Amino acid sequence: SLIMSVITENIDSCPYTGTRMVKGRVRVKTSEEAPHLDNFFNGTPNWDLVTGITRGKIYDVIKVEGFGDCEDITFIDDNGEEQTLADYFFTEVK
């Protein structure tokens, strides 16, 4: 059986629109891996503040929604709530 990945690799070459119900896990990129994401976590003015997640932690994915060449990942956060963030916050855990 074909196992569908959470994050679509090479999405630029195979863009899609729609929701995929997937079971999988993703890890939030650390500051070392993605320093460009730091502003989302440190309260920088004019940046959306991301809360309820821990950088470097692994989360269970509920669904993935494609918007052409990017994806939103919906997962269960540290508060037990559903949260949705862009794919660039994560690396997939195989």
Protein backbone atom coordinates (compact mmCIF):
# COMPACT_ATOMS: atom_id res chain seq x y z
CA SER A 1 0.00 0.00 0.00
CA LEU A 2 1.14 3.51 -0.73
CA ILE A 3 1.92 5.49 2.40
CA MET A 4 1.25 9.17 1.85
CA SER A 5 3.75 11.53 3.39
CA VAL A 6 2.59 14.42 5.52
CA ILE A 7 4.70 17.07 3.81
CA THR A 8 4.71 16.89 0.00
CA GLU A 9 8.27 16.90 -1.28
CA ASN A 10 8.92 18.90 -4.45
CA ILE A 11 5.48 20.47 -4.15
CA ASP A 12 6.51 23.10 -6.71
CA SER A 13 6.53 20.39 -9.37
CA CYS A 14 3.22 18.84 -8.26
CA PRO A 15 1.06 21.59 -6.72
CA TYR A 16 -2.42 20.69 -5.52
CA THR A 17 -5.43 22.20 -3.79
CA GLY A 18 -7.52 20.32 -1.26
CA THR A 19 -7.43 18.51 2.06
CA ARG A 20 -5.63 15.24 2.73
CA MET A 21 -6.48 13.29 5.87
CA VAL A 22 -3.13 11.82 6.85
CA LYS A 23 -1.70 10.08 9.87
CA GLY A 24 1.82 11.05 10.59
CA ARG A 25 4.10 13.11 12.76
CA VAL A 26 6.03 16.30 12.29
CA ARG A 27 8.70 18.02 14.34
CA VAL A 28 8.81 21.78 14.76
CA LYS A 29 12.08 23.16 13.40
CA THR A 30 14.47 24.43 16.06
CA SER A 31 16.05 27.87 16.09
CA GLU A 32 19.31 26.28 14.89
CA GLU A 33 17.56 24.66 11.92
CA ALA A 34 15.40 27.66 11.01
CA PRO A 35 16.54 30.92 12.62
CA HIS A 36 14.30 32.80 10.16
CA LEU A 37 11.30 31.49 12.14
CA ASP A 38 12.47 33.01 15.44
CA ASN A 39 10.33 36.14 15.00
CA PHE A 40 7.16 34.00 15.15
CA PHE A 41 8.14 32.79 18.64
CA ASN A 42 9.81 35.75 20.34
CA GLY A 43 7.11 38.42 20.22
CA THR A 44 8.65 40.55 17.49
CA PRO A 45 6.26 43.42 16.64
CA ASN A 46 4.24 42.98 13.42
CA TRP A 47 4.80 39.20 13.39
CA ASP A 48 2.08 36.67 14.24
CA LEU A 49 2.97 35.13 17.61
CA VAL A 50 2.90 31.33 17.54
CA THR A 51 2.00 29.78 20.90
CA GLY A 52 1.06 26.34 22.17
CA ILE A 53 3.97 24.54 20.54
CA THR A 54 7.53 23.72 21.54
CA ARG A 55 10.35 24.00 19.03
CA GLY A 56 12.00 20.63 18.45
CA LYS A 57 8.95 18.71 19.72
CA ILE A 58 7.09 16.08 17.68
CA TYR A 59 3.35 16.45 17.06
CA ASP A 60 0.62 14.19 15.65
CA VAL A 61 -0.85 15.40 12.37
CA ILE A 62 -4.61 15.38 11.75
CA LYS A 63 -4.78 16.73 8.21
CA VAL A 64 -2.88 18.60 5.54
CA GLU A 65 -4.44 21.21 3.27
CA GLY A 66 -2.78 22.14 0.00
CA PHE A 67 -2.88 25.61 -1.51
CA GLY A 68 -1.03 25.11 -4.76
CA ASP A 69 2.67 25.14 -3.90
CA CYS A 70 2.33 25.27 -0.09
CA GLU A 71 0.59 23.29 2.62
CA ASP A 72 -0.98 23.94 6.00
CA ILE A 73 -0.44 21.26 8.63
CA THR A 74 -3.15 20.75 11.29
CA PHE A 75 -1.89 19.03 14.43
CA ILE A 76 -2.61 18.64 18.16
CA ASP A 77 -0.63 21.27 20.08
CA ASP A 78 0.72 21.36 23.65
CA ASN A 79 -2.70 22.43 24.96
CA GLY A 80 -4.49 19.47 23.34
CA GLU A 81 -6.06 21.80 20.79
CA GLU A 82 -6.04 21.66 17.01
CA GLN A 83 -3.65 24.20 15.54
CA THR A 84 -2.73 24.88 11.92
CA LEU A 85 0.62 26.21 10.73
CA ALA A 86 2.39 26.41 7.39
CA ASP A 87 4.54 23.50 6.26
CA TYR A 88 7.77 25.51 6.60
CA PHE A 89 7.55 25.27 10.41
CA PHE A 90 8.06 21.49 10.29
CA THR A 91 10.16 18.56 9.25
CA GLU A 92 8.46 15.20 8.78
CA VAL A 93 9.21 12.35 11.19
CA LYS A 94 9.40 9.06 9.30
